[in-house]
Amino acid sequence: MFLRLIEKDECEKIYKILNLVEKRETEENYFIKYLLIQIKNMRGEINANKKKRKKMVF
């Protein structure tokens, strides 16, 4: 994905902007939410949450 080409500092700035834009209810939000998921995945947040859930189940 193109997000891997973005440096982490720039990624944080984009993440903050997308969070602000996401609050508006529009049809374009599907793409914005997709980008947010990709950035969170890059930051390891989603993977960390999955690991926590698995640990809690056992």
C-alpha atoms as a PDB file:
ATOM      1  CA  MET A   1       0.000   0.000   0.000  1.00  0.00           C
ATOM      2  CA  PHE A   2       1.031   3.578  -0.504  1.00  0.00           C
ATOM      3  CA  LEU A   3       0.847   4.213   3.258  1.00  0.00           C
ATOM      4  CA  ARG A   4       4.037   2.230   3.785  1.00  0.00           C
ATOM      5  CA  LEU A   5       5.868   4.893   1.795  1.00  0.00           C
ATOM      6  CA  ILE A   6       4.829   7.589   4.248  1.00  0.00           C
ATOM      7  CA  GLU A   7       7.165   8.327   7.136  1.00  0.00           C
ATOM      8  CA  LYS A   8       5.841   7.875  10.665  1.00  0.00           C
ATOM      9  CA  ASP A   9       5.803  11.612  11.446  1.00  0.00           C
ATOM     10  CA  GLU A  10       3.753  12.325   8.340  1.00  0.00           C
ATOM     11  CA  CYS A  11       1.552   9.350   9.154  1.00  0.00           C
ATOM     12  CA  GLU A  12       0.679  10.869  12.546  1.00  0.00           C
ATOM     13  CA  LYS A  13      -0.290  14.177  10.921  1.00  0.00           C
ATOM     14  CA  ILE A  14      -2.471  12.413   8.352  1.00  0.00           C
ATOM     15  CA  TYR A  15      -4.067  10.343  11.134  1.00  0.00           C
ATOM     16  CA  LYS A  16      -5.037  13.476  13.089  1.00  0.00           C
ATOM     17  CA  ILE A  17      -6.504  15.128   9.985  1.00  0.00           C
ATOM     18  CA  LEU A  18      -8.482  12.013   9.036  1.00  0.00           C
ATOM     19  CA  ASN A  19      -9.878  11.764  12.566  1.00  0.00           C
ATOM     20  CA  LEU A  20     -11.182  15.320  12.279  1.00  0.00           C
ATOM     21  CA  VAL A  21     -12.686  14.705   8.837  1.00  0.00           C
ATOM     22  CA  GLU A  22     -14.223  11.371   9.889  1.00  0.00           C
ATOM     23  CA  LYS A  23     -16.529  13.147  12.322  1.00  0.00           C
ATOM     24  CA  ARG A  24     -18.425  14.622   9.381  1.00  0.00           C
ATOM     25  CA  GLU A  25     -21.080  12.246   8.066  1.00  0.00           C
ATOM     26  CA  THR A  26     -20.558  11.896   4.319  1.00  0.00           C
ATOM     27  CA  GLU A  27     -20.346   9.124   1.760  1.00  0.00           C
ATOM     28  CA  GLU A  28     -16.589   9.661   1.474  1.00  0.00           C
ATOM     29  CA  ASN A  29     -16.185   8.450   5.054  1.00  0.00           C
ATOM     30  CA  TYR A  30     -15.884   4.851   3.874  1.00  0.00           C
ATOM     31  CA  PHE A  31     -12.531   5.650   2.279  1.00  0.00           C
ATOM     32  CA  ILE A  32     -11.446   7.759   5.262  1.00  0.00           C
ATOM     33  CA  LYS A  33     -12.302   4.927   7.673  1.00  0.00           C
ATOM     34  CA  TYR A  34     -10.353   2.543   5.454  1.00  0.00           C
ATOM     35  CA  LEU A  35      -7.317   4.837   5.612  1.00  0.00           C
ATOM     36  CA  LEU A  36      -7.641   5.137   9.391  1.00  0.00           C
ATOM     37  CA  ILE A  37      -7.694   1.350   9.706  1.00  0.00           C
ATOM     38  CA  GLN A  38      -4.597   1.107   7.519  1.00  0.00           C
ATOM     39  CA  ILE A  39      -2.747   3.697   9.602  1.00  0.00           C
ATOM     40  CA  LYS A  40      -3.800   2.050  12.876  1.00  0.00           C
ATOM     41  CA  ASN A  41      -2.599  -1.260  11.483  1.00  0.00           C
ATOM     42  CA  MET A  42       0.745   0.322  10.594  1.00  0.00           C
ATOM     43  CA  ARG A  43       1.030   1.644  14.132  1.00  0.00           C
ATOM     44  CA  GLY A  44       0.313  -1.826  15.487  1.00  0.00           C
ATOM     45  CA  GLU A  45      -2.831  -0.811  17.366  1.00  0.00           C
ATOM     46  CA  ILE A  46      -5.152  -3.296  15.700  1.00  0.00           C
ATOM     47  CA  ASN A  47      -2.738  -6.212  16.038  1.00  0.00           C
ATOM     48  CA  ALA A  48      -2.141  -5.375  19.687  1.00  0.00           C
ATOM     49  CA  ASN A  49      -5.884  -5.327  20.343  1.00  0.00           C
ATOM     50  CA  LYS A  50      -6.334  -8.719  18.685  1.00  0.00           C
ATOM     51  CA  LYS A  51      -3.584 -10.204  20.846  1.00  0.00           C
ATOM     52  CA  LYS A  52      -5.190  -8.784  23.984  1.00  0.00           C
ATOM     53  CA  ARG A  53      -8.551 -10.302  23.039  1.00  0.00           C
ATOM     54  CA  LYS A  54      -6.990 -13.701  22.444  1.00  0.00           C
ATOM     55  CA  LYS A  55      -5.260 -13.577  25.815  1.00  0.00           C
ATOM     56  CA  MET A  56      -8.487 -12.620  27.546  1.00  0.00           C
ATOM     57  CA  VAL A  57     -10.364 -15.549  26.010  1.00  0.00           C
ATOM     58  CA  PHE A  58      -7.950 -18.151  27.329  1.00  0.00           C
END
